[in-house]
Amino acid sequence: MPSIAENLERIITSIPEEVTLVAVSKTKPIATLMEAYDAGQRVFGENKIQEMVVKHEEMPQDVEWHMIGHVQTNKVKYMASFVSLIHAVDSIKLLKEINKQALKHDRVIKCLLQVKIAQEESKFGMSDTDAEALLGSNELKELKNVSIVGLMGMASFTQDQEQLKQEFGFLKTTFDRLQEQFKDVTVLSMGMSGDYTLAIAHGSTMVRVGSAIFGARNYS
């Protein structure tokens, strides 16, 4: 069985230099994360704020923490002092809370708008038109402590390559359209362990890879 360092090297050498690799470390212990850290990985993604807070306190301070899961407004305060990027923002209400908590720490927190591209009902996200409206809204202009730097999407959990191509293609088209209007939109976060190569082929600039680095997750 290959080591975490070997998995990381294989992935890093297979993706373009300009694509950011987020190591999705949810459910994994600190010792496992440190193996990735010692192999040079600095960007880690968590989907539960409490877990990320604990790991942030115990890991070296040059780690860049990404919150990749659905965010509840009442939990934002716990990560506002250190989170580098919040991937799954899907409402102005959430943005206002992030702005409020960022202000307390005199920070500007970078965020991605989550656009719904999957067909599963369980997946969160806004429509492409709602994302466009939010980016151009006066409400957003008033929020000085958040910065929308791009889009994020979660494709359907499927082996159907044509469906995945369609979903990634839709998000890339949306991204291109919004990038023309809003200069800060530069990040396109799409692609996970099973489909990141396809996502990169469709223009992803950031991939969220967990099991391909760390092995299967432990939910026990």
C-alpha atoms as a PDB file:
ATOM      1  CA  MET A   1       0.000   0.000   0.000  1.00  0.00           C
ATOM      2  CA  PRO A   2       1.535   3.355  -1.004  1.00  0.00           C
ATOM      3  CA  SER A   3       2.323   5.895   1.707  1.00  0.00           C
ATOM      4  CA  ILE A   4       0.642   9.289   2.058  1.00  0.00           C
ATOM      5  CA  ALA A   5       3.832  10.921   0.765  1.00  0.00           C
ATOM      6  CA  GLU A   6       3.780   8.656  -2.312  1.00  0.00           C
ATOM      7  CA  ASN A   7       0.090   9.386  -2.925  1.00  0.00           C
ATOM      8  CA  LEU A   8       0.736  13.122  -2.692  1.00  0.00           C
ATOM      9  CA  GLU A   9       3.696  12.966  -5.064  1.00  0.00           C
ATOM     10  CA  ARG A  10       1.679  10.974  -7.609  1.00  0.00           C
ATOM     11  CA  ILE A  11      -1.181  13.500  -7.528  1.00  0.00           C
ATOM     12  CA  ILE A  12       1.014  16.610  -7.538  1.00  0.00           C
ATOM     13  CA  THR A  13       3.036  15.381 -10.520  1.00  0.00           C
ATOM     14  CA  SER A  14      -0.190  14.594 -12.410  1.00  0.00           C
ATOM     15  CA  ILE A  15      -1.834  18.016 -12.047  1.00  0.00           C
ATOM     16  CA  PRO A  16      -0.808  21.367 -13.588  1.00  0.00           C
ATOM     17  CA  GLU A  17       1.363  23.623 -11.423  1.00  0.00           C
ATOM     18  CA  GLU A  18      -1.288  26.353 -11.312  1.00  0.00           C
ATOM     19  CA  VAL A  19      -3.930  24.019  -9.813  1.00  0.00           C
ATOM     20  CA  THR A  20      -4.161  24.156  -5.994  1.00  0.00           C
ATOM     21  CA  LEU A  21      -4.423  20.805  -4.226  1.00  0.00           C
ATOM     22  CA  VAL A  22      -6.576  20.897  -1.082  1.00  0.00           C
ATOM     23  CA  ALA A  23      -5.885  17.811   1.031  1.00  0.00           C
ATOM     24  CA  VAL A  24      -9.275  16.867   2.495  1.00  0.00           C
ATOM     25  CA  SER A  25      -8.378  15.601   5.947  1.00  0.00           C
ATOM     26  CA  LYS A  26     -11.805  15.161   7.570  1.00  0.00           C
ATOM     27  CA  THR A  27     -12.011  12.317  10.126  1.00  0.00           C
ATOM     28  CA  LYS A  28      -8.226  11.815   9.925  1.00  0.00           C
ATOM     29  CA  PRO A  29      -6.049  12.113  13.058  1.00  0.00           C
ATOM     30  CA  ILE A  30      -3.322  14.763  13.463  1.00  0.00           C
ATOM     31  CA  ALA A  31      -0.562  12.157  12.988  1.00  0.00           C
ATOM     32  CA  THR A  32      -1.940  11.341   9.537  1.00  0.00           C
ATOM     33  CA  LEU A  33      -2.168  15.027   8.596  1.00  0.00           C
ATOM     34  CA  MET A  34       1.431  15.509   9.768  1.00  0.00           C
ATOM     35  CA  GLU A  35       2.569  12.812   7.321  1.00  0.00           C
ATOM     36  CA  ALA A  36       1.118  14.948   4.521  1.00  0.00           C
ATOM     37  CA  TYR A  37       2.578  18.103   6.090  1.00  0.00           C
ATOM     38  CA  ASP A  38       6.045  16.532   6.301  1.00  0.00           C
ATOM     39  CA  ALA A  39       5.727  15.614   2.617  1.00  0.00           C
ATOM     40  CA  GLY A  40       5.218  19.308   1.822  1.00  0.00           C
ATOM     41  CA  GLN A  41       1.411  19.699   1.828  1.00  0.00           C
ATOM     42  CA  ARG A  42       0.259  23.003   3.343  1.00  0.00           C
ATOM     43  CA  VAL A  43      -3.383  23.379   2.246  1.00  0.00           C
ATOM     44  CA  PHE A  44      -5.897  21.259   4.183  1.00  0.00           C
ATOM     45  CA  GLY A  45      -9.691  21.114   3.896  1.00  0.00           C
ATOM     46  CA  GLU A  46     -12.182  20.197   6.594  1.00  0.00           C
ATOM     47  CA  ASN A  47     -15.976  19.957   6.446  1.00  0.00           C
ATOM     48  CA  LYS A  48     -16.676  20.349  10.188  1.00  0.00           C
ATOM     49  CA  ILE A  49     -15.671  23.581  11.891  1.00  0.00           C
ATOM     50  CA  GLN A  50     -15.091  22.042  15.343  1.00  0.00           C
ATOM     51  CA  GLU A  51     -12.708  19.456  13.883  1.00  0.00           C
ATOM     52  CA  MET A  52     -10.842  22.162  11.950  1.00  0.00           C
ATOM     53  CA  VAL A  53     -10.464  24.313  15.087  1.00  0.00           C
ATOM     54  CA  VAL A  54      -8.856  21.447  17.029  1.00  0.00           C
ATOM     55  CA  LYS A  55      -6.488  20.620  14.175  1.00  0.00           C
ATOM     56  CA  HIS A  56      -5.583  24.287  13.654  1.00  0.00           C
ATOM     57  CA  GLU A  57      -4.567  24.530  17.321  1.00  0.00           C
ATOM     58  CA  GLU A  58      -2.362  21.441  17.140  1.00  0.00           C
ATOM     59  CA  MET A  59      -0.843  21.738  13.663  1.00  0.00           C
ATOM     60  CA  PRO A  60       1.977  24.077  12.561  1.00  0.00           C
ATOM     61  CA  GLN A  61       0.865  27.657  12.022  1.00  0.00           C
ATOM     62  CA  ASP A  62       1.807  27.836   8.326  1.00  0.00           C
ATOM     63  CA  VAL A  63      -1.055  25.496   7.384  1.00  0.00           C
ATOM     64  CA  GLU A  64      -3.733  27.104   5.205  1.00  0.00           C
ATOM     65  CA  TRP A  65      -7.170  25.908   6.357  1.00  0.00           C
ATOM     66  CA  HIS A  66     -10.086  25.655   3.954  1.00  0.00           C
ATOM     67  CA  MET A  67     -13.641  25.083   5.156  1.00  0.00           C
ATOM     68  CA  ILE A  68     -15.166  22.944   2.414  1.00  0.00           C
ATOM     69  CA  GLY A  69     -18.407  21.749   4.049  1.00  0.00           C
ATOM     70  CA  HIS A  70     -21.793  23.352   4.488  1.00  0.00           C
ATOM     71  CA  VAL A  71     -21.484  26.221   6.998  1.00  0.00           C
ATOM     72  CA  GLN A  72     -23.985  27.006   9.742  1.00  0.00           C
ATOM     73  CA  THR A  73     -24.042  30.709  10.579  1.00  0.00           C
ATOM     74  CA  ASN A  74     -23.767  30.106  14.336  1.00  0.00           C
ATOM     75  CA  LYS A  75     -20.426  28.273  13.855  1.00  0.00           C
ATOM     76  CA  VAL A  76     -18.637  30.939  11.784  1.00  0.00           C
ATOM     77  CA  LYS A  77     -17.229  32.674  14.886  1.00  0.00           C
ATOM     78  CA  TYR A  78     -15.101  29.642  15.780  1.00  0.00           C
ATOM     79  CA  MET A  79     -13.029  29.771  12.572  1.00  0.00           C
ATOM     80  CA  ALA A  80     -13.092  33.504  11.762  1.00  0.00           C
ATOM     81  CA  SER A  81      -9.672  34.170  13.280  1.00  0.00           C
ATOM     82  CA  PHE A  82      -7.754  31.751  11.033  1.00  0.00           C
ATOM     83  CA  VAL A  83      -9.694  30.242   8.096  1.00  0.00           C
ATOM     84  CA  SER A  84      -8.080  31.011   4.729  1.00  0.00           C
ATOM     85  CA  LEU A  85     -10.952  30.179   2.382  1.00  0.00           C
ATOM     86  CA  ILE A  86     -14.605  29.213   2.862  1.00  0.00           C
ATOM     87  CA  HIS A  87     -15.729  27.151  -0.139  1.00  0.00           C
ATOM     88  CA  ALA A  88     -19.436  26.553   0.299  1.00  0.00           C
ATOM     89  CA  VAL A  89     -21.099  29.968   0.642  1.00  0.00           C
ATOM     90  CA  ASP A  90     -24.656  29.863  -0.660  1.00  0.00           C
ATOM     91  CA  SER A  91     -26.479  32.909   0.773  1.00  0.00           C
ATOM     92  CA  ILE A  92     -26.117  36.602   1.557  1.00  0.00           C
ATOM     93  CA  LYS A  93     -27.166  35.763   5.128  1.00  0.00           C
ATOM     94  CA  LEU A  94     -24.078  33.585   5.561  1.00  0.00           C
ATOM     95  CA  LEU A  95     -21.860  36.225   3.958  1.00  0.00           C
ATOM     96  CA  LYS A  96     -23.133  38.845   6.396  1.00  0.00           C
ATOM     97  CA  GLU A  97     -22.234  36.604   9.334  1.00  0.00           C
ATOM     98  CA  ILE A  98     -18.770  35.864   7.915  1.00  0.00           C
ATOM     99  CA  ASN A  99     -18.278  39.617   7.419  1.00  0.00           C
ATOM    100  CA  LYS A 100     -19.373  40.347  10.993  1.00  0.00           C
ATOM    101  CA  GLN A 101     -17.004  37.774  12.493  1.00  0.00           C
ATOM    102  CA  ALA A 102     -14.104  38.742  10.186  1.00  0.00           C
ATOM    103  CA  LEU A 103     -14.474  42.371  11.285  1.00  0.00           C
ATOM    104  CA  LYS A 104     -13.954  41.335  14.928  1.00  0.00           C
ATOM    105  CA  HIS A 105     -10.539  39.949  13.943  1.00  0.00           C
ATOM    106  CA  ASP A 106      -9.721  42.782  11.528  1.00  0.00           C
ATOM    107  CA  ARG A 107      -9.541  40.308   8.633  1.00  0.00           C
ATOM    108  CA  VAL A 108     -10.929  39.970   5.138  1.00  0.00           C
ATOM    109  CA  ILE A 109     -12.052  36.353   4.663  1.00  0.00           C
ATOM    110  CA  LYS A 110     -11.971  34.919   1.158  1.00  0.00           C
ATOM    111  CA  CYS A 111     -15.061  32.974   0.067  1.00  0.00           C
ATOM    112  CA  LEU A 112     -16.326  30.948  -2.886  1.00  0.00           C
ATOM    113  CA  LEU A 113     -19.956  30.915  -3.952  1.00  0.00           C
ATOM    114  CA  GLN A 114     -21.289  27.365  -4.182  1.00  0.00           C
ATOM    115  CA  VAL A 115     -23.230  26.835  -7.401  1.00  0.00           C
ATOM    116  CA  LYS A 116     -25.458  23.752  -7.512  1.00  0.00           C
ATOM    117  CA  ILE A 117     -24.415  21.572 -10.426  1.00  0.00           C
ATOM    118  CA  ALA A 118     -25.322  18.088  -9.147  1.00  0.00           C
ATOM    119  CA  GLN A 119     -28.708  16.482  -9.645  1.00  0.00           C
ATOM    120  CA  GLU A 120     -28.888  15.111  -6.089  1.00  0.00           C
ATOM    121  CA  GLU A 121     -31.315  16.939  -3.825  1.00  0.00           C
ATOM    122  CA  SER A 122     -28.881  16.580  -0.912  1.00  0.00           C
ATOM    123  CA  LYS A 123     -26.292  18.876  -2.512  1.00  0.00           C
ATOM    124  CA  PHE A 124     -26.333  22.545  -1.534  1.00  0.00           C
ATOM    125  CA  GLY A 125     -25.725  25.562  -3.744  1.00  0.00           C
ATOM    126  CA  MET A 126     -27.294  28.504  -5.511  1.00  0.00           C
ATOM    127  CA  SER A 127     -28.291  28.819  -9.143  1.00  0.00           C
ATOM    128  CA  ASP A 128     -25.905  30.481 -11.587  1.00  0.00           C
ATOM    129  CA  THR A 129     -28.298  33.431 -11.940  1.00  0.00           C
ATOM    130  CA  ASP A 130     -28.542  33.879  -8.155  1.00  0.00           C
ATOM    131  CA  ALA A 131     -24.733  33.843  -7.906  1.00  0.00           C
ATOM    132  CA  GLU A 132     -24.512  36.489 -10.600  1.00  0.00           C
ATOM    133  CA  ALA A 133     -27.139  38.642  -8.880  1.00  0.00           C
ATOM    134  CA  LEU A 134     -25.359  38.336  -5.517  1.00  0.00           C
ATOM    135  CA  LEU A 135     -21.990  39.333  -6.997  1.00  0.00           C
ATOM    136  CA  GLY A 136     -23.524  42.471  -8.479  1.00  0.00           C
ATOM    137  CA  SER A 137     -25.636  43.378  -5.451  1.00  0.00           C
ATOM    138  CA  ASN A 138     -25.324  46.488  -3.305  1.00  0.00           C
ATOM    139  CA  GLU A 139     -25.669  44.269  -0.219  1.00  0.00           C
ATOM    140  CA  LEU A 140     -22.373  42.568  -1.090  1.00  0.00           C
ATOM    141  CA  LYS A 141     -20.637  45.887  -1.777  1.00  0.00           C
ATOM    142  CA  GLU A 142     -21.377  46.903   1.825  1.00  0.00           C
ATOM    143  CA  LEU A 143     -19.519  43.876   3.220  1.00  0.00           C
ATOM    144  CA  LYS A 144     -15.923  45.072   3.523  1.00  0.00           C
ATOM    145  CA  ASN A 145     -14.547  42.043   5.385  1.00  0.00           C
ATOM    146  CA  VAL A 146     -15.409  39.331   2.869  1.00  0.00           C
ATOM    147  CA  SER A 147     -14.045  38.832  -0.618  1.00  0.00           C
ATOM    148  CA  ILE A 148     -15.708  36.543  -3.159  1.00  0.00           C
ATOM    149  CA  VAL A 149     -12.776  35.107  -5.104  1.00  0.00           C
ATOM    150  CA  GLY A 150     -14.504  32.430  -7.150  1.00  0.00           C
ATOM    151  CA  LEU A 151     -16.962  29.565  -7.462  1.00  0.00           C
ATOM    152  CA  MET A 152     -17.209  26.062  -6.048  1.00  0.00           C
ATOM    153  CA  GLY A 153     -19.291  23.127  -7.191  1.00  0.00           C
ATOM    154  CA  MET A 154     -19.895  19.507  -6.208  1.00  0.00           C
ATOM    155  CA  ALA A 155     -20.661  17.160  -9.061  1.00  0.00           C
ATOM    156  CA  SER A 156     -23.084  14.253  -8.815  1.00  0.00           C
ATOM    157  CA  PHE A 157     -21.827  11.075  -7.156  1.00  0.00           C
ATOM    158  CA  THR A 158     -21.837   9.022 -10.329  1.00  0.00           C
ATOM    159  CA  GLN A 159     -19.610   6.976 -12.643  1.00  0.00           C
ATOM    160  CA  ASP A 160     -21.372   8.514 -15.652  1.00  0.00           C
ATOM    161  CA  GLN A 161     -18.547  10.465 -17.313  1.00  0.00           C
ATOM    162  CA  GLU A 162     -20.889  12.276 -19.688  1.00  0.00           C
ATOM    163  CA  GLN A 163     -22.967  13.601 -16.797  1.00  0.00           C
ATOM    164  CA  LEU A 164     -19.830  14.752 -14.964  1.00  0.00           C
ATOM    165  CA  LYS A 165     -18.556  16.480 -18.114  1.00  0.00           C
ATOM    166  CA  GLN A 166     -21.889  18.252 -18.437  1.00  0.00           C
ATOM    167  CA  GLU A 167     -21.853  19.437 -14.805  1.00  0.00           C
ATOM    168  CA  PHE A 168     -18.234  20.583 -14.850  1.00  0.00           C
ATOM    169  CA  GLY A 169     -18.782  22.227 -18.237  1.00  0.00           C
ATOM    170  CA  PHE A 170     -21.783  24.155 -16.916  1.00  0.00           C
ATOM    171  CA  LEU A 171     -19.810  25.455 -13.935  1.00  0.00           C
ATOM    172  CA  LYS A 172     -16.857  26.458 -16.138  1.00  0.00           C
ATOM    173  CA  THR A 173     -19.193  28.351 -18.493  1.00  0.00           C
ATOM    174  CA  THR A 174     -20.733  30.131 -15.504  1.00  0.00           C
ATOM    175  CA  PHE A 175     -17.267  30.903 -14.126  1.00  0.00           C
ATOM    176  CA  ASP A 176     -16.089  32.356 -17.458  1.00  0.00           C
ATOM    177  CA  ARG A 177     -19.181  34.542 -17.717  1.00  0.00           C
ATOM    178  CA  LEU A 178     -18.839  35.888 -14.176  1.00  0.00           C
ATOM    179  CA  GLN A 179     -15.091  36.390 -14.505  1.00  0.00           C
ATOM    180  CA  GLU A 180     -15.736  38.810 -17.375  1.00  0.00           C
ATOM    181  CA  GLN A 181     -17.914  40.942 -15.108  1.00  0.00           C
ATOM    182  CA  PHE A 182     -16.189  40.569 -11.728  1.00  0.00           C
ATOM    183  CA  LYS A 183     -12.378  40.817 -11.712  1.00  0.00           C
ATOM    184  CA  ASP A 184     -11.936  39.149  -8.293  1.00  0.00           C
ATOM    185  CA  VAL A 185     -13.474  35.880  -9.521  1.00  0.00           C
ATOM    186  CA  THR A 186     -10.316  33.842 -10.210  1.00  0.00           C
ATOM    187  CA  VAL A 187     -10.771  30.510  -8.379  1.00  0.00           C
ATOM    188  CA  LEU A 188     -12.801  27.572  -9.692  1.00  0.00           C
ATOM    189  CA  SER A 189     -12.968  24.812  -7.064  1.00  0.00           C
ATOM    190  CA  MET A 190     -14.322  21.587  -8.532  1.00  0.00           C
ATOM    191  CA  GLY A 191     -13.160  17.999  -8.579  1.00  0.00           C
ATOM    192  CA  MET A 192     -12.607  15.399  -5.848  1.00  0.00           C
ATOM    193  CA  SER A 193     -10.715  12.094  -5.524  1.00  0.00           C
ATOM    194  CA  GLY A 194     -12.782  10.255  -8.122  1.00  0.00           C
ATOM    195  CA  ASP A 195     -13.075  12.980 -10.746  1.00  0.00           C
ATOM    196  CA  TYR A 196     -10.375  15.630 -10.238  1.00  0.00           C
ATOM    197  CA  THR A 197      -8.569  14.863 -13.517  1.00  0.00           C
ATOM    198  CA  LEU A 198     -11.823  15.371 -15.430  1.00  0.00           C
ATOM    199  CA  ALA A 199     -12.513  18.567 -13.468  1.00  0.00           C
ATOM    200  CA  ILE A 200      -9.052  19.948 -14.307  1.00  0.00           C
ATOM    201  CA  ALA A 201      -9.641  19.122 -17.975  1.00  0.00           C
ATOM    202  CA  HIS A 202     -12.747  21.318 -17.688  1.00  0.00           C
ATOM    203  CA  GLY A 203     -10.876  24.263 -16.180  1.00  0.00           C
ATOM    204  CA  SER A 204     -10.760  23.648 -12.420  1.00  0.00           C
ATOM    205  CA  THR A 205      -8.068  25.669 -10.626  1.00  0.00           C
ATOM    206  CA  MET A 206      -8.540  23.974  -7.234  1.00  0.00           C
ATOM    207  CA  VAL A 207      -9.251  20.323  -6.415  1.00  0.00           C
ATOM    208  CA  ARG A 208     -10.391  18.835  -3.104  1.00  0.00           C
ATOM    209  CA  VAL A 209      -8.785  15.421  -2.725  1.00  0.00           C
ATOM    210  CA  GLY A 210      -9.181  13.206   0.350  1.00  0.00           C
ATOM    211  CA  SER A 211      -9.311   9.423  -0.045  1.00  0.00           C
ATOM    212  CA  ALA A 212      -6.794   9.402  -2.936  1.00  0.00           C
ATOM    213  CA  ILE A 213      -4.269  10.869  -0.463  1.00  0.00           C
ATOM    214  CA  PHE A 214      -5.289   9.487   2.923  1.00  0.00           C
ATOM    215  CA  GLY A 215      -7.226   6.314   2.054  1.00  0.00           C
ATOM    216  CA  ALA A 216     -10.835   5.579   3.005  1.00  0.00           C
ATOM    217  CA  ARG A 217     -12.413   7.747   5.719  1.00  0.00           C
ATOM    218  CA  ASN A 218     -13.205   6.505   9.182  1.00  0.00           C
ATOM    219  CA  TYR A 219     -16.795   7.410  10.124  1.00  0.00           C
ATOM    220  CA  SER A 220     -17.037   5.013  13.078  1.00  0.00           C
END
